[in-house]
Amino acid sequence: ELLGKRIDSDLSRQIKELVCTFPEV
């Protein structure tokens, strides 16, 4: 965690899916 762990897969996919809900994206 302190070194910089890879982003949790479920969270990263959730964020990307949210952003892609905008028609311009």
PDB file of all heavy atoms in Angstrom:
ATOM      1  N   GLU A   1       0.833  -1.209   0.000  1.00  0.00           N
ATOM      2  CA  GLU A   1       0.000   0.000   0.000  1.00  0.00           C
ATOM      3  C   GLU A   1       0.864   1.255   0.000  1.00  0.00           C
ATOM      4  O   GLU A   1       0.597   2.223  -0.724  1.00  0.00           O
ATOM      5  CB  GLU A   1      -0.922   0.005   1.220  1.00  0.00           C
ATOM      6  CG  GLU A   1      -2.011  -1.062   1.211  1.00  0.00           C
ATOM      7  CD  GLU A   1      -3.133  -0.760   0.241  1.00  0.00           C
ATOM      8  OE1 GLU A   1      -3.086   0.276  -0.441  1.00  0.00           O
ATOM      9  OE2 GLU A   1      -4.065  -1.575   0.147  1.00  0.00           O
ATOM     10  N   LEU A   2       1.909   1.261   0.814  1.00  0.00           N
ATOM     11  CA  LEU A   2       2.769   2.443   0.928  1.00  0.00           C
ATOM     12  C   LEU A   2       3.600   2.665  -0.333  1.00  0.00           C
ATOM     13  O   LEU A   2       3.896   3.802  -0.703  1.00  0.00           O
ATOM     14  CB  LEU A   2       3.682   2.308   2.147  1.00  0.00           C
ATOM     15  CG  LEU A   2       2.991   2.390   3.513  1.00  0.00           C
ATOM     16  CD1 LEU A   2       3.982   2.100   4.639  1.00  0.00           C
ATOM     17  CD2 LEU A   2       2.364   3.762   3.729  1.00  0.00           C
ATOM     18  N   LEU A   3       3.988   1.577  -0.986  1.00  0.00           N
ATOM     19  CA  LEU A   3       4.803   1.696  -2.199  1.00  0.00           C
ATOM     20  C   LEU A   3       3.985   2.192  -3.393  1.00  0.00           C
ATOM     21  O   LEU A   3       4.527   2.794  -4.310  1.00  0.00           O
ATOM     22  CB  LEU A   3       5.432   0.339  -2.544  1.00  0.00           C
ATOM     23  CG  LEU A   3       6.595  -0.111  -1.658  1.00  0.00           C
ATOM     24  CD1 LEU A   3       7.002  -1.533  -2.012  1.00  0.00           C
ATOM     25  CD2 LEU A   3       7.783   0.825  -1.813  1.00  0.00           C
ATOM     26  N   GLY A   4       2.683   1.946  -3.365  1.00  0.00           N
ATOM     27  CA  GLY A   4       1.837   2.344  -4.484  1.00  0.00           C
ATOM     28  C   GLY A   4       1.238   1.136  -5.167  1.00  0.00           C
ATOM     29  O   GLY A   4       1.654   0.747  -6.253  1.00  0.00           O
ATOM     30  N   LYS A   5       0.283   0.522  -4.510  1.00  0.00           N
ATOM     31  CA  LYS A   5      -0.352  -0.700  -4.990  1.00  0.00           C
ATOM     32  C   LYS A   5      -1.228  -0.418  -6.207  1.00  0.00           C
ATOM     33  O   LYS A   5      -1.793   0.666  -6.334  1.00  0.00           O
ATOM     34  CB  LYS A   5      -1.199  -1.285  -3.857  1.00  0.00           C
ATOM     35  CG  LYS A   5      -1.738  -2.667  -4.097  1.00  0.00           C
ATOM     36  CD  LYS A   5      -2.480  -3.130  -2.845  1.00  0.00           C
ATOM     37  CE  LYS A   5      -3.086  -4.512  -3.020  1.00  0.00           C
ATOM     38  NZ  LYS A   5      -3.821  -4.925  -1.800  1.00  0.00           N
ATOM     39  N   ARG A   6      -1.336  -1.395  -7.080  1.00  0.00           N
ATOM     40  CA  ARG A   6      -2.189  -1.262  -8.256  1.00  0.00           C
ATOM     41  C   ARG A   6      -3.630  -0.986  -7.830  1.00  0.00           C
ATOM     42  O   ARG A   6      -4.113  -1.526  -6.834  1.00  0.00           O
ATOM     43  CB  ARG A   6      -2.129  -2.541  -9.083  1.00  0.00           C
ATOM     44  CG  ARG A   6      -2.900  -2.461 -10.406  1.00  0.00           C
ATOM     45  CD  ARG A   6      -2.770  -3.778 -11.177  1.00  0.00           C
ATOM     46  NE  ARG A   6      -3.473  -3.723 -12.452  1.00  0.00           N
ATOM     47  CZ  ARG A   6      -2.975  -3.218 -13.557  1.00  0.00           C
ATOM     48  NH1 ARG A   6      -1.753  -2.700 -13.543  1.00  0.00           N
ATOM     49  NH2 ARG A   6      -3.671  -3.209 -14.680  1.00  0.00           N
ATOM     50  N   ILE A   7      -4.311  -0.170  -8.605  1.00  0.00           N
ATOM     51  CA  ILE A   7      -5.691   0.195  -8.301  1.00  0.00           C
ATOM     52  C   ILE A   7      -6.570  -1.053  -8.298  1.00  0.00           C
ATOM     53  O   ILE A   7      -6.424  -1.927  -9.148  1.00  0.00           O
ATOM     54  CB  ILE A   7      -6.235   1.186  -9.356  1.00  0.00           C
ATOM     55  CG1 ILE A   7      -5.325   2.412  -9.456  1.00  0.00           C
ATOM     56  CG2 ILE A   7      -7.663   1.616  -9.022  1.00  0.00           C
ATOM     57  CD1 ILE A   7      -5.625   3.280 -10.660  1.00  0.00           C
ATOM     58  N   ASP A   8      -7.465  -1.126  -7.330  1.00  0.00           N
ATOM     59  CA  ASP A   8      -8.414  -2.232  -7.270  1.00  0.00           C
ATOM     60  C   ASP A   8      -9.187  -2.320  -8.589  1.00  0.00           C
ATOM     61  O   ASP A   8      -9.728  -1.322  -9.086  1.00  0.00           O
ATOM     62  CB  ASP A   8      -9.388  -2.008  -6.108  1.00  0.00           C
ATOM     63  CG  ASP A   8     -10.455  -3.084  -6.040  1.00  0.00           C
ATOM     64  OD1 ASP A   8     -10.127  -4.217  -5.655  1.00  0.00           O
ATOM     65  OD2 ASP A   8     -11.612  -2.780  -6.382  1.00  0.00           O
ATOM     66  N   SER A   9      -9.245  -3.519  -9.157  1.00  0.00           N
ATOM     67  CA  SER A   9      -9.850  -3.704 -10.480  1.00  0.00           C
ATOM     68  C   SER A   9     -11.310  -3.271 -10.519  1.00  0.00           C
ATOM     69  O   SER A   9     -11.757  -2.614 -11.466  1.00  0.00           O
ATOM     70  CB  SER A   9      -9.747  -5.172 -10.910  1.00  0.00           C
ATOM     71  OG  SER A   9      -8.407  -5.542 -11.082  1.00  0.00           O
ATOM     72  N   ASP A  10     -12.062  -3.635  -9.484  1.00  0.00           N
ATOM     73  CA  ASP A  10     -13.490  -3.286  -9.465  1.00  0.00           C
ATOM     74  C   ASP A  10     -13.678  -1.772  -9.434  1.00  0.00           C
ATOM     75  O   ASP A  10     -14.560  -1.228 -10.127  1.00  0.00           O
ATOM     76  CB  ASP A  10     -14.180  -3.912  -8.247  1.00  0.00           C
ATOM     77  CG  ASP A  10     -14.277  -5.433  -8.354  1.00  0.00           C
ATOM     78  OD1 ASP A  10     -14.222  -5.935  -9.493  1.00  0.00           O
ATOM     79  OD2 ASP A  10     -14.402  -6.104  -7.322  1.00  0.00           O
ATOM     80  N   LEU A  11     -12.848  -1.090  -8.650  1.00  0.00           N
ATOM     81  CA  LEU A  11     -12.968   0.367  -8.551  1.00  0.00           C
ATOM     82  C   LEU A  11     -12.578   1.044  -9.865  1.00  0.00           C
ATOM     83  O   LEU A  11     -13.273   1.963 -10.327  1.00  0.00           O
ATOM     84  CB  LEU A  11     -12.096   0.901  -7.417  1.00  0.00           C
ATOM     85  CG  LEU A  11     -12.095   2.432  -7.230  1.00  0.00           C
ATOM     86  CD1 LEU A  11     -13.501   2.934  -6.943  1.00  0.00           C
ATOM     87  CD2 LEU A  11     -11.128   2.839  -6.126  1.00  0.00           C
ATOM     88  N   SER A  12     -11.469   0.596 -10.479  1.00  0.00           N
ATOM     89  CA  SER A  12     -11.026   1.228 -11.726  1.00  0.00           C
ATOM     90  C   SER A  12     -12.061   1.029 -12.828  1.00  0.00           C
ATOM     91  O   SER A  12     -12.348   1.951 -13.596  1.00  0.00           O
ATOM     92  CB  SER A  12      -9.664   0.668 -12.159  1.00  0.00           C
ATOM     93  OG  SER A  12      -9.740  -0.703 -12.472  1.00  0.00           O
ATOM     94  N   ARG A  13     -12.640  -0.155 -12.893  1.00  0.00           N
ATOM     95  CA  ARG A  13     -13.667  -0.405 -13.913  1.00  0.00           C
ATOM     96  C   ARG A  13     -14.913   0.431 -13.634  1.00  0.00           C
ATOM     97  O   ARG A  13     -15.543   0.946 -14.571  1.00  0.00           O
ATOM     98  CB  ARG A  13     -14.026  -1.896 -13.929  1.00  0.00           C
ATOM     99  CG  ARG A  13     -12.917  -2.783 -14.475  1.00  0.00           C
ATOM    100  CD  ARG A  13     -13.426  -4.180 -14.770  1.00  0.00           C
ATOM    101  NE  ARG A  13     -12.344  -5.047 -15.223  1.00  0.00           N
ATOM    102  CZ  ARG A  13     -11.771  -5.984 -14.479  1.00  0.00           C
ATOM    103  NH1 ARG A  13     -12.175  -6.170 -13.236  1.00  0.00           N
ATOM    104  NH2 ARG A  13     -10.805  -6.736 -14.955  1.00  0.00           N
ATOM    105  N   GLN A  14     -15.273   0.569 -12.359  1.00  0.00           N
ATOM    106  CA  GLN A  14     -16.445   1.369 -12.017  1.00  0.00           C
ATOM    107  C   GLN A  14     -16.275   2.817 -12.441  1.00  0.00           C
ATOM    108  O   GLN A  14     -17.179   3.424 -13.028  1.00  0.00           O
ATOM    109  CB  GLN A  14     -16.700   1.303 -10.503  1.00  0.00           C
ATOM    110  CG  GLN A  14     -17.938   2.091 -10.070  1.00  0.00           C
ATOM    111  CD  GLN A  14     -18.084   2.172  -8.560  1.00  0.00           C
ATOM    112  OE1 GLN A  14     -17.232   1.701  -7.802  1.00  0.00           O
ATOM    113  NE2 GLN A  14     -19.165   2.769  -8.097  1.00  0.00           N
ATOM    114  N   ILE A  15     -15.089   3.384 -12.164  1.00  0.00           N
ATOM    115  CA  ILE A  15     -14.820   4.777 -12.529  1.00  0.00           C
ATOM    116  C   ILE A  15     -14.851   4.956 -14.046  1.00  0.00           C
ATOM    117  O   ILE A  15     -15.468   5.891 -14.568  1.00  0.00           O
ATOM    118  CB  ILE A  15     -13.470   5.238 -11.955  1.00  0.00           C
ATOM    119  CG1 ILE A  15     -13.543   5.307 -10.430  1.00  0.00           C
ATOM    120  CG2 ILE A  15     -13.070   6.605 -12.521  1.00  0.00           C
ATOM    121  CD1 ILE A  15     -12.214   5.608  -9.758  1.00  0.00           C
ATOM    122  N   LYS A  16     -14.199   4.051 -14.771  1.00  0.00           N
ATOM    123  CA  LYS A  16     -14.163   4.164 -16.230  1.00  0.00           C
ATOM    124  C   LYS A  16     -15.560   4.021 -16.847  1.00  0.00           C
ATOM    125  O   LYS A  16     -15.906   4.729 -17.797  1.00  0.00           O
ATOM    126  CB  LYS A  16     -13.213   3.112 -16.809  1.00  0.00           C
ATOM    127  CG  LYS A  16     -11.742   3.409 -16.518  1.00  0.00           C
ATOM    128  CD  LYS A  16     -10.824   2.352 -17.092  1.00  0.00           C
ATOM    129  CE  LYS A  16      -9.370   2.679 -16.806  1.00  0.00           C
ATOM    130  NZ  LYS A  16      -8.430   1.671 -17.352  1.00  0.00           N
ATOM    131  N   GLU A  17     -16.348   3.128 -16.278  1.00  0.00           N
ATOM    132  CA  GLU A  17     -17.720   2.960 -16.774  1.00  0.00           C
ATOM    133  C   GLU A  17     -18.557   4.207 -16.507  1.00  0.00           C
ATOM    134  O   GLU A  17     -19.370   4.624 -17.349  1.00  0.00           O
ATOM    135  CB  GLU A  17     -18.362   1.734 -16.122  1.00  0.00           C
ATOM    136  CG  GLU A  17     -17.814   0.409 -16.660  1.00  0.00           C
ATOM    137  CD  GLU A  17     -18.309  -0.784 -15.868  1.00  0.00           C
ATOM    138  OE1 GLU A  17     -19.134  -0.593 -14.944  1.00  0.00           O
ATOM    139  OE2 GLU A  17     -17.871  -1.918 -16.166  1.00  0.00           O
ATOM    140  N   LEU A  18     -18.349   4.831 -15.341  1.00  0.00           N
ATOM    141  CA  LEU A  18     -19.072   6.070 -15.016  1.00  0.00           C
ATOM    142  C   LEU A  18     -18.722   7.181 -16.004  1.00  0.00           C
ATOM    143  O   LEU A  18     -19.603   7.886 -16.507  1.00  0.00           O
ATOM    144  CB  LEU A  18     -18.719   6.519 -13.591  1.00  0.00           C
ATOM    145  CG  LEU A  18     -19.403   5.816 -12.436  1.00  0.00           C
ATOM    146  CD1 LEU A  18     -18.812   6.296 -11.107  1.00  0.00           C
ATOM    147  CD2 LEU A  18     -20.903   6.077 -12.450  1.00  0.00           C
ATOM    148  N   VAL A  19     -17.425   7.325 -16.266  1.00  0.00           N
ATOM    149  CA  VAL A  19     -16.967   8.382 -17.170  1.00  0.00           C
ATOM    150  C   VAL A  19     -17.497   8.152 -18.587  1.00  0.00           C
ATOM    151  O   VAL A  19     -17.870   9.092 -19.292  1.00  0.00           O
ATOM    152  CB  VAL A  19     -15.427   8.477 -17.171  1.00  0.00           C
ATOM    153  CG1 VAL A  19     -14.945   9.510 -18.185  1.00  0.00           C
ATOM    154  CG2 VAL A  19     -14.915   8.842 -15.780  1.00  0.00           C
ATOM    155  N   CYS A  20     -17.553   6.898 -18.982  1.00  0.00           N
ATOM    156  CA  CYS A  20     -18.012   6.578 -20.345  1.00  0.00           C
ATOM    157  C   CYS A  20     -19.526   6.727 -20.510  1.00  0.00           C
ATOM    158  O   CYS A  20     -20.041   6.589 -21.631  1.00  0.00           O
ATOM    159  CB  CYS A  20     -17.583   5.168 -20.723  1.00  0.00           C
ATOM    160  SG  CYS A  20     -15.819   5.043 -21.122  1.00  0.00           S
ATOM    161  N   THR A  21     -20.245   7.006 -19.426  1.00  0.00           N
ATOM    162  CA  THR A  21     -21.690   7.247 -19.565  1.00  0.00           C
ATOM    163  C   THR A  21     -21.971   8.606 -20.195  1.00  0.00           C
ATOM    164  O   THR A  21     -23.081   8.844 -20.673  1.00  0.00           O
ATOM    165  CB  THR A  21     -22.404   7.174 -18.193  1.00  0.00           C
ATOM    166  OG1 THR A  21     -21.833   8.151 -17.305  1.00  0.00           O
ATOM    167  CG2 THR A  21     -22.274   5.787 -17.590  1.00  0.00           C
ATOM    168  N   PHE A  22     -20.970   9.491 -20.209  1.00  0.00           N
ATOM    169  CA  PHE A  22     -21.146  10.786 -20.875  1.00  0.00           C
ATOM    170  C   PHE A  22     -21.060  10.564 -22.384  1.00  0.00           C
ATOM    171  O   PHE A  22     -20.083   9.988 -22.874  1.00  0.00           O
ATOM    172  CB  PHE A  22     -20.071  11.782 -20.417  1.00  0.00           C
ATOM    173  CG  PHE A  22     -20.220  12.210 -18.984  1.00  0.00           C
ATOM    174  CD1 PHE A  22     -19.565  11.516 -17.966  1.00  0.00           C
ATOM    175  CD2 PHE A  22     -21.020  13.284 -18.640  1.00  0.00           C
ATOM    176  CE1 PHE A  22     -19.701  11.904 -16.644  1.00  0.00           C
ATOM    177  CE2 PHE A  22     -21.164  13.677 -17.315  1.00  0.00           C
ATOM    178  CZ  PHE A  22     -20.512  12.985 -16.320  1.00  0.00           C
ATOM    179  N   PRO A  23     -22.040  11.015 -23.138  1.00  0.00           N
ATOM    180  CA  PRO A  23     -22.074  10.750 -24.583  1.00  0.00           C
ATOM    181  C   PRO A  23     -20.864  11.295 -25.335  1.00  0.00           C
ATOM    182  O   PRO A  23     -20.480  10.754 -26.378  1.00  0.00           O
ATOM    183  CB  PRO A  23     -23.366  11.429 -25.042  1.00  0.00           C
ATOM    184  CG  PRO A  23     -23.748  12.375 -23.947  1.00  0.00           C
ATOM    185  CD  PRO A  23     -23.216  11.788 -22.689  1.00  0.00           C
ATOM    186  N   GLU A  24     -20.241  12.351 -24.826  1.00  0.00           N
ATOM    187  CA  GLU A  24     -19.081  12.928 -25.516  1.00  0.00           C
ATOM    188  C   GLU A  24     -17.826  12.054 -25.372  1.00  0.00           C
ATOM    189  O   GLU A  24     -16.901  12.149 -26.178  1.00  0.00           O
ATOM    190  CB  GLU A  24     -18.753  14.327 -24.969  1.00  0.00           C
ATOM    191  CG  GLU A  24     -19.916  15.314 -25.020  1.00  0.00           C
ATOM    192  CD  GLU A  24     -20.705  15.333 -23.726  1.00  0.00           C
ATOM    193  OE1 GLU A  24     -20.730  14.292 -23.024  1.00  0.00           O
ATOM    194  OE2 GLU A  24     -21.294  16.381 -23.419  1.00  0.00           O
ATOM    195  N   VAL A  25     -17.789  11.232 -24.338  1.00  0.00           N
ATOM    196  CA  VAL A  25     -16.590  10.431 -24.043  1.00  0.00           C
ATOM    197  C   VAL A  25     -16.588   9.153 -24.885  1.00  0.00           C
ATOM    198  O   VAL A  25     -17.519   8.354 -24.817  1.00  0.00           O
ATOM    199  CB  VAL A  25     -16.520  10.078 -22.545  1.00  0.00           C
ATOM    200  CG1 VAL A  25     -15.326   9.158 -22.269  1.00  0.00           C
ATOM    201  CG2 VAL A  25     -16.415  11.353 -21.712  1.00  0.00           C
TER     202      VAL A  25
END
